[in-house]
Amino acid sequence: MRYKKITLHTLRLSVLTMLIHSGGSVSETTVFDGVGTHELTEQAYLEGIEARNQAQVNNRPGQPLSLSSPETGKAAVQVTGEGTSVMLEGTEKQKITVDTEADGGAYGLWAIDKSTLTLKHMDITLKGTNDIAVAVETGAKVDIRKSTLSINGDNSSGTIAHSSEITLKDSSLRINGGNSSGIASGGTARVTGHHLDIKAEGQRVTAIYANHNSTVDIQDSTLSSIGENTFGIVAENTARVTGHHLDIKAEGQNVTAIYANDDSTVDIQNSTLSSIGDNAWGIVATARVTGNDLDIKVEGQGANAVATNGNATIHLHDSHIQTLATPSAVLYSETGATDTTVTITGGSLHAAGDLIVSKGGKTNLVFSK
């Protein structure tokens, strides 16, 4: 059974210089500083914008707009300080574009220190290593709707929230790069997602990663992770992840749909979990996992549907669990299982291979109608 720790990207403040240039495009960072409402009048900001000290910035409706930053450590849009806000709203036919020409370590949009960032109909594309499409920290709030976030680079993330709040609705995230994540949270962050399509491809990618004391709630969404050693959902430390009406897919060798570690909690309702590949795993827990009305399928040699270790507690109600190849197991107990409990109420079990495999640990099994 695998153990994995993911270190959140370290979010560093950048010192941006106020150099405003007039014309059809701006080639140096544009800074909006101080109380008041400001409108983005240019069609292109080649080195991005920064808002601070209670500035309120918005785009001009109906006008094309693109924002970019060519340097490592900079953001195309940075918002800093309580009372400071940036609102960018495109349309379905004319999205606002954000990109970067940096070799890596760049941010698409970055909200800091209780600032507010509102995005609608955005097309955010980053293509370097260690890139973050949207970073939120230290009490900032971000709302993203009807947008597309795309990253092509290792060690990158669609969104990272640390001790802040982020809401995503009706949006898609495309992550292509090893050791990367779709959505990551840490500290006391609160993440809410509705009608999302998250697809992460590459070795050791994760669609949803929750760490520290953060909470993540995802509903009516598709989470897809493709590649060796990939994960659908990972929860660690005291993080809590809840999900309703999810389609969680993990495909590749040694993949896992749900991994709950440490003192975390994962609660998934009315959802499907699919892990396809040799040595694939459906649910792996050393923590607490609850599920109701789940359809869990694993396929591949050595695949296991539900695996426990440590002091895990798993309770599955009215769920259907299947293994589709041999050798495999519906329930798997690792040698480190000291006092785990698996309770299955209602539902059904279908084993192409073994029903139960124990490597010597102690696991309490409770079955009831």
Protein backbone atom coordinates (compact mmCIF):
# COMPACT_ATOMS: atom_id res chain seq x y z
CA MET A 1 0.00 0.00 0.00
CA ARG A 2 1.36 3.39 -0.92
CA TYR A 3 1.94 6.46 1.18
CA LYS A 4 2.16 9.90 -0.35
CA LYS A 5 2.86 13.39 0.88
CA ILE A 6 2.41 16.36 -1.43
CA THR A 7 4.03 19.66 -0.59
CA LEU A 8 1.95 22.68 -1.53
CA HIS A 9 3.62 25.24 -3.71
CA THR A 10 5.26 28.01 -1.69
CA LEU A 11 3.46 31.21 -2.58
CA ARG A 12 5.89 34.11 -2.65
CA LEU A 13 5.04 37.81 -2.88
CA SER A 14 6.48 39.59 -5.87
CA VAL A 15 7.60 43.21 -5.91
CA LEU A 16 5.92 44.76 -8.94
CA THR A 17 6.92 48.16 -10.27
CA MET A 18 4.34 50.78 -11.23
CA LEU A 19 5.01 51.63 -14.84
CA ILE A 20 1.93 52.61 -16.82
CA HIS A 21 2.10 52.82 -20.58
CA SER A 22 -0.60 54.13 -22.91
CA GLY A 23 -1.63 52.73 -26.27
CA GLY A 24 -3.17 49.58 -27.67
CA SER A 25 -1.15 47.41 -25.31
CA VAL A 26 0.91 47.80 -22.16
CA SER A 27 4.42 46.30 -22.05
CA GLU A 28 5.15 46.94 -18.35
CA THR A 29 3.27 46.00 -15.21
CA THR A 30 0.30 48.31 -14.63
CA VAL A 31 -0.44 49.04 -10.98
CA PHE A 32 -3.71 50.41 -9.63
CA ASP A 33 -2.97 51.83 -6.20
CA GLY A 34 -5.46 53.38 -3.79
CA VAL A 35 -9.19 53.80 -3.21
CA GLY A 36 -11.29 54.20 -6.33
CA THR A 37 -12.74 52.38 -9.33
CA HIS A 38 -10.47 51.73 -12.30
CA GLU A 39 -11.31 50.37 -15.75
CA LEU A 40 -8.98 48.37 -17.95
CA THR A 41 -8.95 50.42 -21.14
CA GLU A 42 -6.25 48.58 -23.07
CA GLN A 43 -6.83 45.37 -25.02
CA ALA A 44 -3.55 43.76 -23.92
CA TYR A 45 -1.48 44.00 -20.76
CA LEU A 46 1.71 42.19 -21.72
CA GLU A 47 3.20 42.21 -18.22
CA GLY A 48 -0.04 42.02 -16.31
CA ILE A 49 -1.72 44.20 -13.73
CA GLU A 50 -1.63 44.65 -9.96
CA ALA A 51 -4.36 46.11 -7.73
CA ARG A 52 -3.66 47.17 -4.13
CA ASN A 53 -4.68 49.49 -1.29
CA GLN A 54 -8.46 49.19 -1.84
CA ALA A 55 -8.37 49.74 -5.59
CA GLN A 56 -11.35 48.29 -7.45
CA VAL A 57 -10.55 47.19 -11.00
CA ASN A 58 -12.79 45.85 -13.75
CA ASN A 59 -12.62 45.31 -17.49
CA ARG A 60 -14.46 47.32 -20.12
CA PRO A 61 -17.56 45.31 -21.20
CA GLY A 62 -17.44 44.04 -24.75
CA GLN A 63 -13.79 44.91 -25.32
CA PRO A 64 -11.24 42.14 -26.04
CA LEU A 65 -8.78 41.70 -23.21
CA SER A 66 -5.64 39.63 -22.71
CA LEU A 67 -3.26 39.64 -19.77
CA SER A 68 0.16 38.07 -19.55
CA SER A 69 3.36 37.97 -17.55
CA PRO A 70 6.66 36.89 -19.08
CA GLU A 71 8.66 36.55 -15.85
CA THR A 72 9.07 33.82 -13.26
CA GLY A 73 7.48 34.69 -9.93
CA LYS A 74 5.06 37.21 -11.42
CA ALA A 75 1.33 37.02 -12.03
CA ALA A 76 -0.70 38.27 -14.96
CA VAL A 77 -3.17 39.55 -12.36
CA GLN A 78 -2.25 40.22 -8.71
CA VAL A 79 -4.70 41.50 -6.10
CA THR A 80 -3.43 42.49 -2.64
CA GLY A 81 -5.05 43.79 0.54
CA GLU A 82 -8.42 44.00 2.25
CA GLY A 83 -10.91 46.06 0.27
CA THR A 84 -9.01 45.54 -2.98
CA SER A 85 -10.88 43.77 -5.77
CA VAL A 86 -10.55 42.80 -9.42
CA MET A 87 -13.55 41.72 -11.48
CA LEU A 88 -12.94 40.27 -14.93
CA GLU A 89 -15.97 39.18 -16.92
CA GLY A 90 -15.81 38.07 -20.52
CA THR A 91 -18.59 36.50 -22.56
CA GLU A 92 -19.18 33.03 -23.95
CA LYS A 93 -18.07 34.18 -27.41
CA GLN A 94 -15.32 36.52 -26.26
CA LYS A 95 -13.43 35.14 -23.29
CA ILE A 96 -10.78 37.10 -21.44
CA THR A 97 -7.42 35.36 -21.94
CA VAL A 98 -4.62 34.97 -19.41
CA ASP A 99 -1.29 33.37 -20.25
CA THR A 100 2.41 33.54 -19.53
CA GLU A 101 5.58 33.37 -21.54
CA ALA A 102 7.71 32.49 -18.50
CA ASP A 103 9.80 29.33 -18.45
CA GLY A 104 8.13 28.33 -15.18
CA GLY A 105 7.17 29.39 -11.68
CA ALA A 106 4.50 31.78 -12.94
CA TYR A 107 0.99 32.60 -11.71
CA GLY A 108 -2.01 33.30 -13.86
CA LEU A 109 -3.97 35.11 -11.16
CA TRP A 110 -2.92 35.69 -7.55
CA ALA A 111 -5.13 36.96 -4.71
CA ILE A 112 -3.51 37.83 -1.35
CA ASP A 113 -4.36 39.32 2.07
CA LYS A 114 -8.18 39.41 2.18
CA SER A 115 -8.53 40.74 -1.36
CA THR A 116 -11.32 39.67 -3.75
CA LEU A 117 -11.05 38.28 -7.27
CA THR A 118 -14.09 37.56 -9.45
CA LEU A 119 -13.69 35.77 -12.81
CA LYS A 120 -16.23 34.79 -15.45
CA HIS A 121 -15.74 33.47 -18.98
CA MET A 122 -11.95 33.28 -18.66
CA ASP A 123 -9.45 31.23 -20.68
CA ILE A 124 -6.35 30.77 -18.51
CA THR A 125 -3.38 28.97 -20.09
CA LEU A 126 0.04 28.40 -18.51
CA LYS A 127 2.76 26.24 -19.99
CA GLY A 128 5.77 26.16 -17.66
CA THR A 129 6.86 23.95 -14.78
CA ASN A 130 5.83 24.97 -11.25
CA ASP A 131 3.02 27.14 -12.65
CA ILE A 132 -0.22 27.92 -10.83
CA ALA A 133 -3.26 29.10 -12.79
CA VAL A 134 -5.02 30.65 -9.77
CA ALA A 135 -3.35 31.09 -6.36
CA VAL A 136 -5.32 32.29 -3.31
CA GLU A 137 -3.89 32.89 0.16
CA THR A 138 -4.13 34.66 3.52
CA GLY A 139 -7.85 35.33 3.69
CA ALA A 140 -8.44 36.24 0.04
CA LYS A 141 -11.65 35.20 -1.75
CA VAL A 142 -11.90 34.06 -5.36
CA ASP A 143 -14.99 33.22 -7.42
CA ILE A 144 -14.49 31.50 -10.81
CA ARG A 145 -17.39 30.72 -13.16
CA LYS A 146 -17.74 29.44 -16.71
CA SER A 147 -13.98 29.39 -17.27
CA THR A 148 -11.21 27.11 -18.54
CA LEU A 149 -7.90 26.60 -16.72
CA SER A 150 -5.14 24.80 -18.64
CA ILE A 151 -1.59 24.00 -17.51
CA ASN A 152 1.11 22.12 -19.40
CA GLY A 153 4.08 21.56 -17.11
CA ASP A 154 5.32 19.41 -14.24
CA ASN A 155 4.78 20.33 -10.57
CA SER A 156 1.90 22.63 -11.42
CA SER A 157 -1.65 23.24 -10.23
CA GLY A 158 -4.91 24.55 -11.59
CA THR A 159 -5.79 26.25 -8.30
CA ILE A 160 -4.08 26.44 -4.91
CA ALA A 161 -5.91 27.85 -1.89
CA HIS A 162 -4.12 28.35 1.43
CA SER A 163 -6.10 29.73 4.40
CA SER A 164 -8.49 31.41 1.98
CA GLU A 165 -11.72 30.76 0.05
CA ILE A 166 -12.28 29.76 -3.54
CA THR A 167 -15.48 28.87 -5.39
CA LEU A 168 -15.49 27.28 -8.85
CA LYS A 169 -18.63 26.68 -10.89
CA ASP A 170 -19.33 25.46 -14.42
CA SER A 171 -15.62 25.33 -15.26
CA SER A 172 -13.01 22.93 -16.59
CA LEU A 173 -9.43 22.29 -15.48
CA ARG A 174 -6.91 20.60 -17.77
CA ILE A 175 -3.60 19.63 -16.17
CA ASN A 176 -0.87 17.95 -18.21
CA GLY A 177 2.33 17.34 -16.25
CA GLY A 178 3.79 15.03 -13.64
CA ASN A 179 3.41 15.67 -9.89
CA SER A 180 0.63 18.16 -10.60
CA SER A 181 -2.88 18.73 -9.24
CA GLY A 182 -6.18 20.11 -10.43
CA ILE A 183 -7.29 21.67 -7.13
CA ALA A 184 -5.07 21.87 -4.03
CA SER A 185 -5.88 23.28 -0.59
CA GLY A 186 -3.98 23.84 2.63
CA GLY A 187 -4.07 25.71 5.91
CA THR A 188 -7.69 26.51 6.75
CA ALA A 189 -8.76 26.95 3.13
CA ARG A 190 -12.36 26.40 2.04
CA VAL A 191 -12.92 25.17 -1.51
CA THR A 192 -16.32 24.75 -3.14
CA GLY A 193 -16.86 23.34 -6.62
CA HIS A 194 -19.99 22.72 -8.69
CA HIS A 195 -20.27 21.30 -12.20
CA LEU A 196 -16.54 20.95 -12.74
CA ASP A 197 -14.66 18.86 -15.29
CA ILE A 198 -11.15 18.14 -13.99
CA LYS A 199 -8.71 16.13 -16.08
CA ALA A 200 -5.14 15.57 -14.91
CA GLU A 201 -2.62 13.61 -16.98
CA GLY A 202 0.91 12.56 -16.07
CA GLN A 203 2.73 10.52 -13.46
CA ARG A 204 1.61 11.09 -9.85
CA VAL A 205 -1.07 13.63 -10.72
CA THR A 206 -4.02 14.30 -8.42
CA ALA A 207 -7.39 15.76 -9.36
CA ILE A 208 -8.22 16.98 -5.81
CA TYR A 209 -5.65 17.35 -3.04
CA ALA A 210 -6.67 18.55 0.46
CA ASN A 211 -4.10 19.08 3.20
CA HIS A 212 -3.79 20.55 6.72
CA ASN A 213 -7.18 21.66 8.13
CA SER A 214 -8.73 22.62 4.83
CA THR A 215 -12.23 21.65 3.63
CA VAL A 216 -13.19 20.79 0.07
CA ASP A 217 -16.74 20.22 -1.17
CA ILE A 218 -17.26 19.17 -4.80
CA GLN A 219 -20.64 18.43 -6.36
CA ASP A 220 -21.96 17.31 -9.75
CA SER A 221 -18.47 16.99 -11.22
CA THR A 222 -16.12 14.69 -13.11
CA LEU A 223 -12.63 14.00 -11.78
CA SER A 224 -10.24 12.15 -14.09
CA SER A 225 -6.61 11.23 -13.40
CA ILE A 226 -4.61 9.41 -16.06
CA GLY A 227 -1.09 8.11 -15.62
CA GLU A 228 1.05 5.90 -13.43
CA ASN A 229 0.61 6.38 -9.65
CA THR A 230 -2.20 8.90 -10.06
CA PHE A 231 -4.99 9.82 -7.62
CA GLY A 232 -8.55 11.05 -7.90
CA ILE A 233 -8.94 12.50 -4.38
CA VAL A 234 -6.26 12.75 -1.67
CA ALA A 235 -6.96 13.97 1.89
CA GLU A 236 -4.19 14.31 4.49
CA ASN A 237 -3.65 15.62 8.02
CA THR A 238 -7.05 16.84 9.31
CA ALA A 239 -8.49 17.86 5.94
CA ARG A 240 -12.12 17.10 5.11
CA VAL A 241 -13.39 16.31 1.61
CA THR A 242 -17.07 15.90 0.76
CA GLY A 243 -18.55 15.05 -2.61
CA HIS A 244 -21.96 14.48 -4.14
CA HIS A 245 -22.78 13.11 -7.59
CA LEU A 246 -19.18 12.69 -8.65
CA ASP A 247 -17.68 10.58 -11.42
CA ILE A 248 -14.15 9.74 -10.21
CA LYS A 249 -11.86 7.97 -12.68
CA ALA A 250 -8.27 6.87 -12.22
CA GLU A 251 -6.52 5.09 -15.08
CA GLY A 252 -3.01 3.67 -15.19
CA GLN A 253 -0.74 1.38 -13.24
CA ASN A 254 -0.97 1.65 -9.44
CA VAL A 255 -3.71 4.31 -9.45
CA THR A 256 -6.12 5.19 -6.62
CA ALA A 257 -9.57 6.77 -6.80
CA ILE A 258 -9.71 7.92 -3.14
CA TYR A 259 -6.86 8.09 -0.63
CA ALA A 260 -7.55 9.21 2.97
CA ASN A 261 -4.54 9.50 5.26
CA ASP A 262 -3.63 10.72 8.78
CA ASP A 263 -6.72 12.12 10.58
CA SER A 264 -8.55 13.24 7.46
CA THR A 265 -12.17 12.57 6.56
CA VAL A 266 -13.66 11.77 3.16
CA ASP A 267 -17.44 11.56 2.67
CA ILE A 268 -18.72 10.73 -0.83
CA GLN A 269 -22.39 10.34 -1.75
CA ASN A 270 -24.24 9.17 -4.87
CA SER A 271 -21.09 8.76 -6.95
CA THR A 272 -19.10 6.38 -9.14
CA LEU A 273 -15.48 5.36 -8.56
CA SER A 274 -13.50 3.64 -11.28
CA SER A 275 -9.86 2.53 -11.08
CA ILE A 276 -8.44 0.79 -14.13
CA GLY A 277 -4.93 -0.63 -14.37
CA ASP A 278 -2.68 -3.25 -12.85
CA ASN A 279 -2.42 -2.87 -9.05
CA ALA A 280 -5.20 -0.30 -9.09
CA TRP A 281 -7.03 0.73 -5.91
CA GLY A 282 -10.56 1.99 -5.37
CA ILE A 283 -10.46 3.34 -1.80
CA VAL A 284 -7.29 3.34 0.33
CA ALA A 285 -7.68 4.58 3.91
CA THR A 286 -5.72 4.98 7.10
CA ALA A 287 -8.33 7.54 8.14
CA ARG A 288 -12.14 7.84 7.98
CA VAL A 289 -14.10 7.27 4.78
CA THR A 290 -17.89 7.17 4.47
CA GLY A 291 -19.90 6.55 1.35
CA ASN A 292 -23.52 6.20 0.39
CA ASP A 293 -24.91 4.90 -2.90
CA LEU A 294 -21.51 4.39 -4.48
CA ASP A 295 -20.65 2.32 -7.54
CA ILE A 296 -17.04 1.17 -7.07
CA LYS A 297 -15.28 -0.73 -9.86
CA VAL A 298 -11.64 -1.77 -10.12
CA GLU A 299 -10.13 -3.56 -13.08
CA GLY A 300 -6.65 -4.94 -13.56
CA GLN A 301 -4.35 -7.62 -12.21
CA GLY A 302 -3.69 -7.12 -8.52
CA ALA A 303 -6.45 -4.53 -8.23
CA ASN A 304 -8.24 -4.05 -4.88
CA ALA A 305 -11.51 -2.23 -4.31
CA VAL A 306 -11.33 -1.22 -0.63
CA ALA A 307 -8.05 -1.27 1.32
CA THR A 308 -7.36 -0.41 4.96
CA ASN A 309 -4.32 0.30 7.08
CA GLY A 310 -3.57 1.83 10.47
CA ASN A 311 -6.73 2.81 12.39
CA ALA A 312 -8.94 3.33 9.37
CA THR A 313 -12.73 3.44 9.61
CA ILE A 314 -14.74 2.82 6.45
CA HIS A 315 -18.52 2.78 6.31
CA LEU A 316 -20.23 2.10 2.97
CA HIS A 317 -24.02 2.14 2.73
CA ASP A 318 -26.13 0.89 -0.20
CA SER A 319 -23.04 0.68 -2.39
CA HIS A 320 -22.06 -1.75 -5.13
CA ILE A 321 -18.44 -2.93 -5.17
CA GLN A 322 -16.89 -4.93 -8.00
CA THR A 323 -13.53 -6.33 -9.05
CA LEU A 324 -13.34 -7.24 -12.73
CA ALA A 325 -10.06 -9.16 -13.05
CA THR A 326 -7.85 -11.66 -11.23
CA PRO A 327 -5.94 -11.71 -9.01
CA SER A 328 -7.82 -9.08 -7.03
CA ALA A 329 -9.74 -8.46 -3.79
CA VAL A 330 -12.90 -6.62 -2.85
CA LEU A 331 -11.59 -6.01 0.69
CA TYR A 332 -7.86 -5.80 1.39
CA SER A 333 -6.22 -5.43 4.81
CA GLU A 334 -2.58 -4.35 5.04
CA THR A 335 -0.05 -5.62 7.60
CA GLY A 336 -0.14 -2.25 9.39
CA ALA A 337 -3.89 -2.46 10.09
CA THR A 338 -3.97 -2.27 13.89
CA ASP A 339 -7.64 -1.76 14.64
CA THR A 340 -9.44 -0.92 11.43
CA THR A 341 -13.19 -1.25 10.95
CA VAL A 342 -15.04 -1.77 7.69
CA THR A 343 -18.84 -1.62 7.82
CA ILE A 344 -20.88 -2.46 4.74
CA THR A 345 -24.63 -1.97 4.95
CA GLY A 346 -26.82 -3.02 2.05
CA GLY A 347 -25.57 -2.87 -1.50
CA SER A 348 -23.69 -5.73 -3.16
CA LEU A 349 -20.24 -7.28 -3.54
CA HIS A 350 -18.98 -8.92 -6.73
CA ALA A 351 -15.56 -10.53 -6.71
CA ALA A 352 -13.83 -11.72 -9.86
CA GLY A 353 -10.98 -12.80 -7.60
CA ASP A 354 -10.91 -12.98 -3.80
CA LEU A 355 -13.56 -11.42 -1.63
CA ILE A 356 -11.19 -10.72 1.30
CA VAL A 357 -7.39 -10.64 1.45
CA SER A 358 -5.51 -9.99 4.71
CA LYS A 359 -1.77 -9.49 4.99
CA GLY A 360 -1.86 -10.10 8.73
CA GLY A 361 -3.26 -6.88 10.18
CA LYS A 362 -6.33 -6.65 12.39
CA THR A 363 -9.54 -5.57 10.66
CA ASN A 364 -13.09 -5.67 12.01
CA LEU A 365 -15.62 -6.47 9.30
CA VAL A 366 -19.33 -5.76 9.78
CA PHE A 367 -21.89 -6.76 7.14
CA SER A 368 -25.61 -6.05 7.41
CA LYS A 369 -28.61 -5.69 5.13
